[in-house]
């Protein structure tokens, strides 16, 4: 099988196996029995209406991964399977890269670039509002103040940032209330997601993983540092083994099926008290290193086998 990974520029610059990076685990596993190539969004192009990737062939050497320094201009339709996993933010360059994939015909693309383009990881979580804490999306100072006065404690999240950047906690009566709201909304000109604060978040949030229509049984809890209210560093000291409740398994299986129908086959749900606070769809971290250690499995093999089987099924049915 021919597999193309569209990775982040930073991963391309420092391309070697790093056990904290989901893409590197998957690239390494796929490379064991498939032809794997890598590229970045700035190395995509359209020649006429044909999508082209300037890409590098990946090979294994012992336990590490390398790429051939000689690049190849290959049609994206040359591949059987494409993983579209550049990191956010979803800025104009990112959006334009998704448009190129509107001209792709053959390969199965994970996640669908058009689906990512149409799914804001914060705002569109409200498609599953029955599984979320109470929240609003607004740029109105008055409306956000009213929500704060009703809920006492809130979390404010910018819609266009990632990795927890710009997320703030606000408590009723804080003397900086108006300053914080004006900062978050750029003086009532930018939409902000405002969620009811869940005190259990101080004990961490679960990263729940979806794969196709399924919710995986394996998850981790991401703990906040002593000087923050949220997880802000990928360190073993702040990650512990997680478990799904029966209600979570049922509820999030429904979410997984809906996401898969939208073209989102890989997602990471951030969950507190059984409530989804965000849905990561661009390049969700699967915490493979930690899950393998906690559950004594090879998650990267499970993921790769799933997509190989589904790609073969698609090709067979197309033929």
C-alpha atoms as a PDB file:
ATOM      1  CA  UNK A   1       0.000   0.000   0.000  1.00  0.00           C
ATOM      2  CA  UNK A   2       1.189   3.550  -0.763  1.00  0.00           C
ATOM      3  CA  UNK A   3       0.661   5.897   2.178  1.00  0.00           C
ATOM      4  CA  UNK A   4       1.221   9.652   2.366  1.00  0.00           C
ATOM      5  CA  UNK A   5       1.482  11.568   5.634  1.00  0.00           C
ATOM      6  CA  UNK A   6       1.012  15.326   5.568  1.00  0.00           C
ATOM      7  CA  UNK A   7       2.774  16.326   8.757  1.00  0.00           C
ATOM      8  CA  UNK A   8       3.584  19.562  10.526  1.00  0.00           C
ATOM      9  CA  UNK A   9       6.574  21.637   9.423  1.00  0.00           C
ATOM     10  CA  UNK A  10       8.211  21.189  12.839  1.00  0.00           C
ATOM     11  CA  UNK A  11       7.913  17.404  12.577  1.00  0.00           C
ATOM     12  CA  UNK A  12       9.427  17.584   9.095  1.00  0.00           C
ATOM     13  CA  UNK A  13      12.322  19.724  10.333  1.00  0.00           C
ATOM     14  CA  UNK A  14      13.115  17.341  13.200  1.00  0.00           C
ATOM     15  CA  UNK A  15      12.193  14.110  11.469  1.00  0.00           C
ATOM     16  CA  UNK A  16      13.237  11.218  13.660  1.00  0.00           C
ATOM     17  CA  UNK A  17      11.271   8.867  15.855  1.00  0.00           C
ATOM     18  CA  UNK A  18       9.938  10.729  18.879  1.00  0.00           C
ATOM     19  CA  UNK A  19       7.703   8.619  21.099  1.00  0.00           C
ATOM     20  CA  UNK A  20       5.600  11.634  22.119  1.00  0.00           C
ATOM     21  CA  UNK A  21       4.439  12.254  18.538  1.00  0.00           C
ATOM     22  CA  UNK A  22       1.449  10.297  17.229  1.00  0.00           C
ATOM     23  CA  UNK A  23       2.479  10.768  13.589  1.00  0.00           C
ATOM     24  CA  UNK A  24       5.909   9.225  14.168  1.00  0.00           C
ATOM     25  CA  UNK A  25       4.415   6.139  15.802  1.00  0.00           C
ATOM     26  CA  UNK A  26       2.049   5.683  12.842  1.00  0.00           C
ATOM     27  CA  UNK A  27       4.695   6.385  10.198  1.00  0.00           C
ATOM     28  CA  UNK A  28       7.017   3.856  11.804  1.00  0.00           C
ATOM     29  CA  UNK A  29       4.327   1.169  11.983  1.00  0.00           C
ATOM     30  CA  UNK A  30       3.089   1.707   8.413  1.00  0.00           C
ATOM     31  CA  UNK A  31       6.684   1.663   7.122  1.00  0.00           C
ATOM     32  CA  UNK A  32       7.134  -1.926   8.280  1.00  0.00           C
ATOM     33  CA  UNK A  33       5.064  -3.258   5.373  1.00  0.00           C
ATOM     34  CA  UNK A  34       4.016  -0.309   3.196  1.00  0.00           C
ATOM     35  CA  UNK A  35       5.562   2.407   1.049  1.00  0.00           C
ATOM     36  CA  UNK A  36       5.339   5.560   3.135  1.00  0.00           C
ATOM     37  CA  UNK A  37       6.007   9.148   2.052  1.00  0.00           C
ATOM     38  CA  UNK A  38       5.877  12.440   3.949  1.00  0.00           C
ATOM     39  CA  UNK A  39       5.170  16.023   2.958  1.00  0.00           C
ATOM     40  CA  UNK A  40       3.896  19.298   4.461  1.00  0.00           C
ATOM     41  CA  UNK A  41       1.069  21.584   3.359  1.00  0.00           C
ATOM     42  CA  UNK A  42       3.452  24.139   1.825  1.00  0.00           C
ATOM     43  CA  UNK A  43       4.798  21.376  -0.468  1.00  0.00           C
ATOM     44  CA  UNK A  44       1.379  20.690  -1.990  1.00  0.00           C
ATOM     45  CA  UNK A  45       0.374  22.211  -5.314  1.00  0.00           C
ATOM     46  CA  UNK A  46      -2.161  22.084  -8.129  1.00  0.00           C
ATOM     47  CA  UNK A  47      -0.872  21.563 -11.662  1.00  0.00           C
ATOM     48  CA  UNK A  48      -3.919  22.343 -13.725  1.00  0.00           C
ATOM     49  CA  UNK A  49      -6.463  20.575 -11.572  1.00  0.00           C
ATOM     50  CA  UNK A  50      -4.143  17.744 -10.498  1.00  0.00           C
ATOM     51  CA  UNK A  51      -3.017  17.760  -6.830  1.00  0.00           C
ATOM     52  CA  UNK A  52       0.732  17.189  -6.511  1.00  0.00           C
ATOM     53  CA  UNK A  53       2.788  16.457  -3.393  1.00  0.00           C
ATOM     54  CA  UNK A  54       6.508  17.159  -3.281  1.00  0.00           C
ATOM     55  CA  UNK A  55       7.317  14.332  -0.895  1.00  0.00           C
ATOM     56  CA  UNK A  56      10.053  12.114   0.530  1.00  0.00           C
ATOM     57  CA  UNK A  57      10.186   8.352   0.829  1.00  0.00           C
ATOM     58  CA  UNK A  58      10.453   7.097   4.419  1.00  0.00           C
ATOM     59  CA  UNK A  59      12.524   4.124   5.502  1.00  0.00           C
ATOM     60  CA  UNK A  60      13.371   2.319   8.724  1.00  0.00           C
ATOM     61  CA  UNK A  61      16.859   1.869  10.086  1.00  0.00           C
ATOM     62  CA  UNK A  62      16.718  -0.158  13.261  1.00  0.00           C
ATOM     63  CA  UNK A  63      14.221   1.514  15.572  1.00  0.00           C
ATOM     64  CA  UNK A  64      14.421   4.907  13.914  1.00  0.00           C
ATOM     65  CA  UNK A  65      12.738   6.458  10.883  1.00  0.00           C
ATOM     66  CA  UNK A  66      14.457   8.501   8.177  1.00  0.00           C
ATOM     67  CA  UNK A  67      13.515   9.972   4.833  1.00  0.00           C
ATOM     68  CA  UNK A  68      15.330  10.005   1.515  1.00  0.00           C
ATOM     69  CA  UNK A  69      16.633  13.537   1.006  1.00  0.00           C
ATOM     70  CA  UNK A  70      15.741  13.342  -2.690  1.00  0.00           C
ATOM     71  CA  UNK A  71      12.161  14.504  -3.117  1.00  0.00           C
ATOM     72  CA  UNK A  72       9.574  13.288  -5.633  1.00  0.00           C
ATOM     73  CA  UNK A  73       6.693  15.147  -7.246  1.00  0.00           C
ATOM     74  CA  UNK A  74       3.869  12.635  -7.082  1.00  0.00           C
ATOM     75  CA  UNK A  75       0.185  12.988  -7.795  1.00  0.00           C
ATOM     76  CA  UNK A  76      -1.823  12.658  -4.599  1.00  0.00           C
ATOM     77  CA  UNK A  77      -4.008  10.167  -6.465  1.00  0.00           C
ATOM     78  CA  UNK A  78      -0.915   7.923  -6.693  1.00  0.00           C
ATOM     79  CA  UNK A  79      -1.513   7.007  -3.042  1.00  0.00           C
ATOM     80  CA  UNK A  80      -4.001   4.584  -1.528  1.00  0.00           C
ATOM     81  CA  UNK A  81      -4.208   6.277   1.853  1.00  0.00           C
ATOM     82  CA  UNK A  82      -3.421   9.829   2.962  1.00  0.00           C
ATOM     83  CA  UNK A  83      -3.211  11.131   6.514  1.00  0.00           C
ATOM     84  CA  UNK A  84      -3.885  14.868   6.607  1.00  0.00           C
ATOM     85  CA  UNK A  85      -2.351  15.774   9.970  1.00  0.00           C
ATOM     86  CA  UNK A  86      -0.688  19.200   9.988  1.00  0.00           C
ATOM     87  CA  UNK A  87      -1.036  20.864  13.377  1.00  0.00           C
ATOM     88  CA  UNK A  88      -3.417  23.767  13.940  1.00  0.00           C
ATOM     89  CA  UNK A  89      -4.059  26.689  14.002  1.00  0.00           C
ATOM     90  CA  UNK A  90      -6.415  26.392  11.071  1.00  0.00           C
ATOM     91  CA  UNK A  91      -5.269  29.592   9.390  1.00  0.00           C
ATOM     92  CA  UNK A  92      -5.547  30.711   5.755  1.00  0.00           C
ATOM     93  CA  UNK A  93      -2.658  28.505   4.593  1.00  0.00           C
ATOM     94  CA  UNK A  94      -4.262  25.527   6.299  1.00  0.00           C
ATOM     95  CA  UNK A  95      -7.652  26.275   4.732  1.00  0.00           C
ATOM     96  CA  UNK A  96      -6.101  26.690   1.278  1.00  0.00           C
ATOM     97  CA  UNK A  97      -4.404  23.302   1.642  1.00  0.00           C
ATOM     98  CA  UNK A  98      -7.799  21.718   2.305  1.00  0.00           C
ATOM     99  CA  UNK A  99      -9.075  23.221  -0.966  1.00  0.00           C
ATOM    100  CA  UNK A 100      -6.402  21.335  -2.902  1.00  0.00           C
ATOM    101  CA  UNK A 101      -7.949  18.110  -1.622  1.00  0.00           C
ATOM    102  CA  UNK A 102     -11.242  19.030  -3.258  1.00  0.00           C
ATOM    103  CA  UNK A 103      -9.503  17.824  -6.470  1.00  0.00           C
ATOM    104  CA  UNK A 104      -8.337  14.472  -5.044  1.00  0.00           C
ATOM    105  CA  UNK A 105     -10.190  11.404  -6.338  1.00  0.00           C
ATOM    106  CA  UNK A 106      -8.581   8.095  -5.409  1.00  0.00           C
ATOM    107  CA  UNK A 107      -7.099   7.837  -1.909  1.00  0.00           C
ATOM    108  CA  UNK A 108      -8.925   7.565   1.360  1.00  0.00           C
ATOM    109  CA  UNK A 109      -7.982  10.736   3.287  1.00  0.00           C
ATOM    110  CA  UNK A 110      -7.895  10.776   7.084  1.00  0.00           C
ATOM    111  CA  UNK A 111      -9.305  13.078   8.344  1.00  0.00           C
ATOM    112  CA  UNK A 112     -11.220  14.516   5.414  1.00  0.00           C
ATOM    113  CA  UNK A 113      -9.704  17.984   4.820  1.00  0.00           C
ATOM    114  CA  UNK A 114     -13.098  19.440   3.883  1.00  0.00           C
ATOM    115  CA  UNK A 115     -14.541  18.030   7.113  1.00  0.00           C
ATOM    116  CA  UNK A 116     -11.726  19.596   9.133  1.00  0.00           C
ATOM    117  CA  UNK A 117     -12.326  22.873   7.305  1.00  0.00           C
ATOM    118  CA  UNK A 118     -15.991  22.735   8.286  1.00  0.00           C
ATOM    119  CA  UNK A 119     -15.448  21.659  11.901  1.00  0.00           C
ATOM    120  CA  UNK A 120     -14.204  24.178  14.447  1.00  0.00           C
ATOM    121  CA  UNK A 121     -12.835  22.060  17.305  1.00  0.00           C
ATOM    122  CA  UNK A 122     -14.548  24.209  19.911  1.00  0.00           C
ATOM    123  CA  UNK A 123     -17.662  25.649  18.301  1.00  0.00           C
ATOM    124  CA  UNK A 124     -18.777  22.506  16.467  1.00  0.00           C
ATOM    125  CA  UNK A 125     -18.518  20.434  19.635  1.00  0.00           C
ATOM    126  CA  UNK A 126     -21.968  21.914  20.229  1.00  0.00           C
ATOM    127  CA  UNK A 127     -23.313  19.433  17.702  1.00  0.00           C
ATOM    128  CA  UNK A 128     -23.169  17.163  20.761  1.00  0.00           C
ATOM    129  CA  UNK A 129     -24.414  19.712  23.310  1.00  0.00           C
ATOM    130  CA  UNK A 130     -26.266  17.027  25.251  1.00  0.00           C
ATOM    131  CA  UNK A 131     -22.856  15.672  26.268  1.00  0.00           C
ATOM    132  CA  UNK A 132     -21.276  19.064  27.028  1.00  0.00           C
ATOM    133  CA  UNK A 133     -21.252  21.421  30.003  1.00  0.00           C
ATOM    134  CA  UNK A 134     -23.539  24.420  29.656  1.00  0.00           C
ATOM    135  CA  UNK A 135     -21.977  26.921  27.265  1.00  0.00           C
ATOM    136  CA  UNK A 136     -22.502  29.795  24.876  1.00  0.00           C
ATOM    137  CA  UNK A 137     -20.580  31.229  21.927  1.00  0.00           C
ATOM    138  CA  UNK A 138     -20.695  35.007  21.878  1.00  0.00           C
ATOM    139  CA  UNK A 139     -18.770  38.247  21.464  1.00  0.00           C
ATOM    140  CA  UNK A 140     -21.197  40.228  23.639  1.00  0.00           C
ATOM    141  CA  UNK A 141     -19.838  41.604  26.909  1.00  0.00           C
ATOM    142  CA  UNK A 142     -23.341  41.773  28.341  1.00  0.00           C
ATOM    143  CA  UNK A 143     -24.213  38.203  27.376  1.00  0.00           C
ATOM    144  CA  UNK A 144     -20.970  36.762  28.752  1.00  0.00           C
ATOM    145  CA  UNK A 145     -21.327  38.730  32.002  1.00  0.00           C
ATOM    146  CA  UNK A 146     -24.855  37.412  32.359  1.00  0.00           C
ATOM    147  CA  UNK A 147     -23.606  33.847  31.834  1.00  0.00           C
ATOM    148  CA  UNK A 148     -20.891  34.406  34.450  1.00  0.00           C
ATOM    149  CA  UNK A 149     -23.370  35.787  36.976  1.00  0.00           C
ATOM    150  CA  UNK A 150     -25.567  32.721  36.462  1.00  0.00           C
ATOM    151  CA  UNK A 151     -22.822  30.067  36.540  1.00  0.00           C
ATOM    152  CA  UNK A 152     -20.396  31.727  39.054  1.00  0.00           C
ATOM    153  CA  UNK A 153     -17.285  30.237  37.400  1.00  0.00           C
ATOM    154  CA  UNK A 154     -16.577  30.015  33.664  1.00  0.00           C
ATOM    155  CA  UNK A 155     -13.925  29.074  31.118  1.00  0.00           C
ATOM    156  CA  UNK A 156     -13.371  31.323  28.093  1.00  0.00           C
ATOM    157  CA  UNK A 157     -11.825  29.888  24.926  1.00  0.00           C
ATOM    158  CA  UNK A 158     -10.822  31.652  21.705  1.00  0.00           C
ATOM    159  CA  UNK A 159     -12.146  29.810  18.652  1.00  0.00           C
ATOM    160  CA  UNK A 160      -9.002  30.222  16.551  1.00  0.00           C
ATOM    161  CA  UNK A 161      -6.232  29.060  18.868  1.00  0.00           C
ATOM    162  CA  UNK A 162      -4.907  25.632  19.878  1.00  0.00           C
ATOM    163  CA  UNK A 163      -2.994  23.693  22.549  1.00  0.00           C
ATOM    164  CA  UNK A 164      -4.811  25.577  25.337  1.00  0.00           C
ATOM    165  CA  UNK A 165      -3.494  28.931  24.147  1.00  0.00           C
ATOM    166  CA  UNK A 166      -5.552  31.883  25.355  1.00  0.00           C
ATOM    167  CA  UNK A 167      -7.913  29.802  27.514  1.00  0.00           C
ATOM    168  CA  UNK A 168      -8.896  31.658  30.681  1.00  0.00           C
ATOM    169  CA  UNK A 169     -10.725  30.965  33.931  1.00  0.00           C
ATOM    170  CA  UNK A 170     -12.996  33.654  35.384  1.00  0.00           C
ATOM    171  CA  UNK A 171     -14.879  33.766  38.678  1.00  0.00           C
ATOM    172  CA  UNK A 172     -17.877  35.930  39.497  1.00  0.00           C
ATOM    173  CA  UNK A 173     -16.784  39.085  41.287  1.00  0.00           C
ATOM    174  CA  UNK A 174     -13.294  39.185  39.776  1.00  0.00           C
ATOM    175  CA  UNK A 175     -12.317  42.843  39.433  1.00  0.00           C
ATOM    176  CA  UNK A 176     -10.755  42.087  36.056  1.00  0.00           C
ATOM    177  CA  UNK A 177     -13.994  40.660  34.643  1.00  0.00           C
ATOM    178  CA  UNK A 178     -14.640  43.290  31.974  1.00  0.00           C
ATOM    179  CA  UNK A 179     -10.970  43.534  31.022  1.00  0.00           C
ATOM    180  CA  UNK A 180     -10.743  39.768  30.537  1.00  0.00           C
ATOM    181  CA  UNK A 181     -13.954  39.573  28.502  1.00  0.00           C
ATOM    182  CA  UNK A 182     -12.892  42.523  26.344  1.00  0.00           C
ATOM    183  CA  UNK A 183      -9.491  40.895  25.816  1.00  0.00           C
ATOM    184  CA  UNK A 184     -11.043  37.562  24.847  1.00  0.00           C
ATOM    185  CA  UNK A 185     -13.572  39.129  22.464  1.00  0.00           C
ATOM    186  CA  UNK A 186     -11.249  41.847  21.100  1.00  0.00           C
ATOM    187  CA  UNK A 187     -13.689  44.428  22.446  1.00  0.00           C
ATOM    188  CA  UNK A 188     -16.806  42.550  21.341  1.00  0.00           C
ATOM    189  CA  UNK A 189     -15.561  41.853  17.815  1.00  0.00           C
ATOM    190  CA  UNK A 190     -14.437  38.209  18.116  1.00  0.00           C
ATOM    191  CA  UNK A 191     -16.516  35.157  19.019  1.00  0.00           C
ATOM    192  CA  UNK A 192     -15.510  33.300  22.167  1.00  0.00           C
ATOM    193  CA  UNK A 193     -16.693  29.977  23.585  1.00  0.00           C
ATOM    194  CA  UNK A 194     -17.766  30.327  27.206  1.00  0.00           C
ATOM    195  CA  UNK A 195     -18.291  27.144  29.237  1.00  0.00           C
ATOM    196  CA  UNK A 196     -19.526  26.496  32.737  1.00  0.00           C
ATOM    197  CA  UNK A 197     -16.460  25.653  34.833  1.00  0.00           C
ATOM    198  CA  UNK A 198     -16.321  22.041  36.032  1.00  0.00           C
ATOM    199  CA  UNK A 199     -14.449  21.875  39.375  1.00  0.00           C
ATOM    200  CA  UNK A 200     -13.431  18.257  38.720  1.00  0.00           C
ATOM    201  CA  UNK A 201     -11.176  19.634  36.016  1.00  0.00           C
ATOM    202  CA  UNK A 202      -8.612  20.265  38.739  1.00  0.00           C
ATOM    203  CA  UNK A 203      -8.233  16.468  38.849  1.00  0.00           C
ATOM    204  CA  UNK A 204      -7.617  16.370  35.102  1.00  0.00           C
ATOM    205  CA  UNK A 205      -9.498  15.668  31.876  1.00  0.00           C
ATOM    206  CA  UNK A 206      -9.682  12.411  29.942  1.00  0.00           C
ATOM    207  CA  UNK A 207      -8.464  12.077  26.366  1.00  0.00           C
ATOM    208  CA  UNK A 208     -11.003   9.711  24.801  1.00  0.00           C
ATOM    209  CA  UNK A 209     -10.077   8.353  21.369  1.00  0.00           C
ATOM    210  CA  UNK A 210     -12.336   7.559  18.439  1.00  0.00           C
ATOM    211  CA  UNK A 211     -11.344   5.342  15.532  1.00  0.00           C
ATOM    212  CA  UNK A 212     -13.907   5.116  12.767  1.00  0.00           C
ATOM    213  CA  UNK A 213     -17.249   4.425  14.394  1.00  0.00           C
ATOM    214  CA  UNK A 214     -15.633   3.094  17.541  1.00  0.00           C
ATOM    215  CA  UNK A 215     -14.542   4.522  20.865  1.00  0.00           C
ATOM    216  CA  UNK A 216     -11.338   2.912  22.091  1.00  0.00           C
ATOM    217  CA  UNK A 217     -11.303   1.406  25.565  1.00  0.00           C
ATOM    218  CA  UNK A 218      -7.907   2.959  26.205  1.00  0.00           C
ATOM    219  CA  UNK A 219      -7.601   6.520  27.481  1.00  0.00           C
ATOM    220  CA  UNK A 220      -5.448   8.745  29.639  1.00  0.00           C
ATOM    221  CA  UNK A 221      -6.100  11.479  32.162  1.00  0.00           C
ATOM    222  CA  UNK A 222      -4.216  14.739  31.589  1.00  0.00           C
ATOM    223  CA  UNK A 223      -3.558  16.600  34.816  1.00  0.00           C
ATOM    224  CA  UNK A 224      -3.029  20.332  35.324  1.00  0.00           C
ATOM    225  CA  UNK A 225       0.244  21.588  36.712  1.00  0.00           C
ATOM    226  CA  UNK A 226       0.370  23.185  40.148  1.00  0.00           C
ATOM    227  CA  UNK A 227       0.390  26.679  38.632  1.00  0.00           C
ATOM    228  CA  UNK A 228      -2.458  26.245  36.118  1.00  0.00           C
ATOM    229  CA  UNK A 229      -6.064  25.029  35.927  1.00  0.00           C
ATOM    230  CA  UNK A 230      -5.419  22.955  32.782  1.00  0.00           C
ATOM    231  CA  UNK A 231      -3.003  20.427  31.302  1.00  0.00           C
ATOM    232  CA  UNK A 232      -0.203  22.428  29.696  1.00  0.00           C
ATOM    233  CA  UNK A 233       2.828  20.168  29.345  1.00  0.00           C
ATOM    234  CA  UNK A 234       3.269  16.711  27.779  1.00  0.00           C
ATOM    235  CA  UNK A 235       5.115  15.042  30.641  1.00  0.00           C
ATOM    236  CA  UNK A 236       4.675  11.612  32.215  1.00  0.00           C
ATOM    237  CA  UNK A 237       4.339  13.354  35.577  1.00  0.00           C
ATOM    238  CA  UNK A 238       1.001  14.827  34.467  1.00  0.00           C
ATOM    239  CA  UNK A 239      -0.497  11.840  32.658  1.00  0.00           C
ATOM    240  CA  UNK A 240      -2.173   8.842  34.297  1.00  0.00           C
ATOM    241  CA  UNK A 241      -4.179   5.806  33.206  1.00  0.00           C
ATOM    242  CA  UNK A 242      -7.827   6.514  32.410  1.00  0.00           C
ATOM    243  CA  UNK A 243     -10.978   4.433  32.274  1.00  0.00           C
ATOM    244  CA  UNK A 244     -14.278   4.907  30.485  1.00  0.00           C
ATOM    245  CA  UNK A 245     -17.531   4.601  32.405  1.00  0.00           C
ATOM    246  CA  UNK A 246     -20.362   2.630  30.832  1.00  0.00           C
ATOM    247  CA  UNK A 247     -22.289   5.861  30.169  1.00  0.00           C
ATOM    248  CA  UNK A 248     -19.248   7.415  28.503  1.00  0.00           C
ATOM    249  CA  UNK A 249     -18.790   4.354  26.307  1.00  0.00           C
ATOM    250  CA  UNK A 250     -22.400   4.539  25.124  1.00  0.00           C
ATOM    251  CA  UNK A 251     -22.532   8.317  24.682  1.00  0.00           C
ATOM    252  CA  UNK A 252     -19.200   8.666  22.949  1.00  0.00           C
ATOM    253  CA  UNK A 253     -19.883   5.723  20.631  1.00  0.00           C
ATOM    254  CA  UNK A 254     -22.761   7.820  19.321  1.00  0.00           C
ATOM    255  CA  UNK A 255     -20.374  10.759  18.912  1.00  0.00           C
ATOM    256  CA  UNK A 256     -17.821   8.565  17.100  1.00  0.00           C
ATOM    257  CA  UNK A 257     -20.430   7.354  14.598  1.00  0.00           C
ATOM    258  CA  UNK A 258     -21.582  10.902  13.862  1.00  0.00           C
ATOM    259  CA  UNK A 259     -18.017  12.158  13.451  1.00  0.00           C
ATOM    260  CA  UNK A 260     -17.161   9.256  11.170  1.00  0.00           C
ATOM    261  CA  UNK A 261     -20.197  10.075   9.023  1.00  0.00           C
ATOM    262  CA  UNK A 262     -18.785  13.618   8.735  1.00  0.00           C
ATOM    263  CA  UNK A 263     -15.469  12.265   7.436  1.00  0.00           C
ATOM    264  CA  UNK A 264     -13.646  12.457  10.763  1.00  0.00           C
ATOM    265  CA  UNK A 265     -12.246   8.991  11.463  1.00  0.00           C
ATOM    266  CA  UNK A 266      -9.730   9.995  14.134  1.00  0.00           C
ATOM    267  CA  UNK A 267     -10.690  12.325  16.972  1.00  0.00           C
ATOM    268  CA  UNK A 268      -9.683  13.040  20.526  1.00  0.00           C
ATOM    269  CA  UNK A 269     -12.457  13.998  22.929  1.00  0.00           C
ATOM    270  CA  UNK A 270     -11.427  15.988  26.001  1.00  0.00           C
ATOM    271  CA  UNK A 271     -13.773  14.962  28.792  1.00  0.00           C
ATOM    272  CA  UNK A 272     -14.468  16.069  32.376  1.00  0.00           C
ATOM    273  CA  UNK A 273     -17.167  14.381  34.496  1.00  0.00           C
ATOM    274  CA  UNK A 274     -18.503  12.632  31.406  1.00  0.00           C
ATOM    275  CA  UNK A 275     -18.858  15.994  29.631  1.00  0.00           C
ATOM    276  CA  UNK A 276     -17.066  16.833  26.380  1.00  0.00           C
ATOM    277  CA  UNK A 277     -15.218  20.138  26.654  1.00  0.00           C
ATOM    278  CA  UNK A 278     -13.581  19.980  23.211  1.00  0.00           C
ATOM    279  CA  UNK A 279     -13.257  17.689  20.177  1.00  0.00           C
ATOM    280  CA  UNK A 280      -9.814  17.525  18.546  1.00  0.00           C
ATOM    281  CA  UNK A 281     -10.000  16.636  14.843  1.00  0.00           C
ATOM    282  CA  UNK A 282      -6.979  18.225  13.121  1.00  0.00           C
ATOM    283  CA  UNK A 283      -4.067  16.109  14.368  1.00  0.00           C
ATOM    284  CA  UNK A 284      -5.323  14.607  17.634  1.00  0.00           C
ATOM    285  CA  UNK A 285      -2.652  13.240  19.950  1.00  0.00           C
ATOM    286  CA  UNK A 286      -3.320   9.563  20.706  1.00  0.00           C
ATOM    287  CA  UNK A 287      -0.851   9.394  23.623  1.00  0.00           C
ATOM    288  CA  UNK A 288       0.455   6.145  22.138  1.00  0.00           C
ATOM    289  CA  UNK A 289       3.552   5.915  24.338  1.00  0.00           C
ATOM    290  CA  UNK A 290       1.517   6.263  27.538  1.00  0.00           C
ATOM    291  CA  UNK A 291      -1.381   4.039  26.486  1.00  0.00           C
ATOM    292  CA  UNK A 292       0.985   1.272  25.383  1.00  0.00           C
ATOM    293  CA  UNK A 293       2.661   1.365  28.793  1.00  0.00           C
ATOM    294  CA  UNK A 294      -0.569   1.609  30.831  1.00  0.00           C
ATOM    295  CA  UNK A 295      -2.499  -1.093  28.946  1.00  0.00           C
ATOM    296  CA  UNK A 296       0.319  -3.317  27.630  1.00  0.00           C
ATOM    297  CA  UNK A 297      -0.831  -2.998  24.009  1.00  0.00           C
ATOM    298  CA  UNK A 298       0.512  -1.699  20.695  1.00  0.00           C
ATOM    299  CA  UNK A 299      -1.943   1.051  19.896  1.00  0.00           C
ATOM    300  CA  UNK A 300      -0.061   2.110  16.767  1.00  0.00           C
ATOM    301  CA  UNK A 301      -0.588  -1.372  15.291  1.00  0.00           C
ATOM    302  CA  UNK A 302      -4.281  -1.336  16.151  1.00  0.00           C
ATOM    303  CA  UNK A 303      -4.696   2.029  14.408  1.00  0.00           C
ATOM    304  CA  UNK A 304      -2.678   1.074  11.324  1.00  0.00           C
ATOM    305  CA  UNK A 305      -4.380  -2.308  10.921  1.00  0.00           C
ATOM    306  CA  UNK A 306      -7.768  -0.593  11.092  1.00  0.00           C
ATOM    307  CA  UNK A 307      -6.971   1.776   8.238  1.00  0.00           C
ATOM    308  CA  UNK A 308      -5.264  -0.892   6.111  1.00  0.00           C
ATOM    309  CA  UNK A 309      -8.344  -3.106   6.393  1.00  0.00           C
ATOM    310  CA  UNK A 310     -10.720  -0.253   5.608  1.00  0.00           C
ATOM    311  CA  UNK A 311      -8.652   0.968   2.679  1.00  0.00           C
ATOM    312  CA  UNK A 312      -8.536  -2.535   1.187  1.00  0.00           C
ATOM    313  CA  UNK A 313     -12.302  -2.814   1.694  1.00  0.00           C
ATOM    314  CA  UNK A 314     -12.843   0.505  -0.115  1.00  0.00           C
ATOM    315  CA  UNK A 315     -10.614  -0.476  -3.049  1.00  0.00           C
ATOM    316  CA  UNK A 316     -12.279  -3.877  -3.365  1.00  0.00           C
ATOM    317  CA  UNK A 317     -15.752  -2.329  -3.456  1.00  0.00           C
ATOM    318  CA  UNK A 318     -14.741   0.384  -5.914  1.00  0.00           C
ATOM    319  CA  UNK A 319     -13.311  -2.246  -8.256  1.00  0.00           C
END
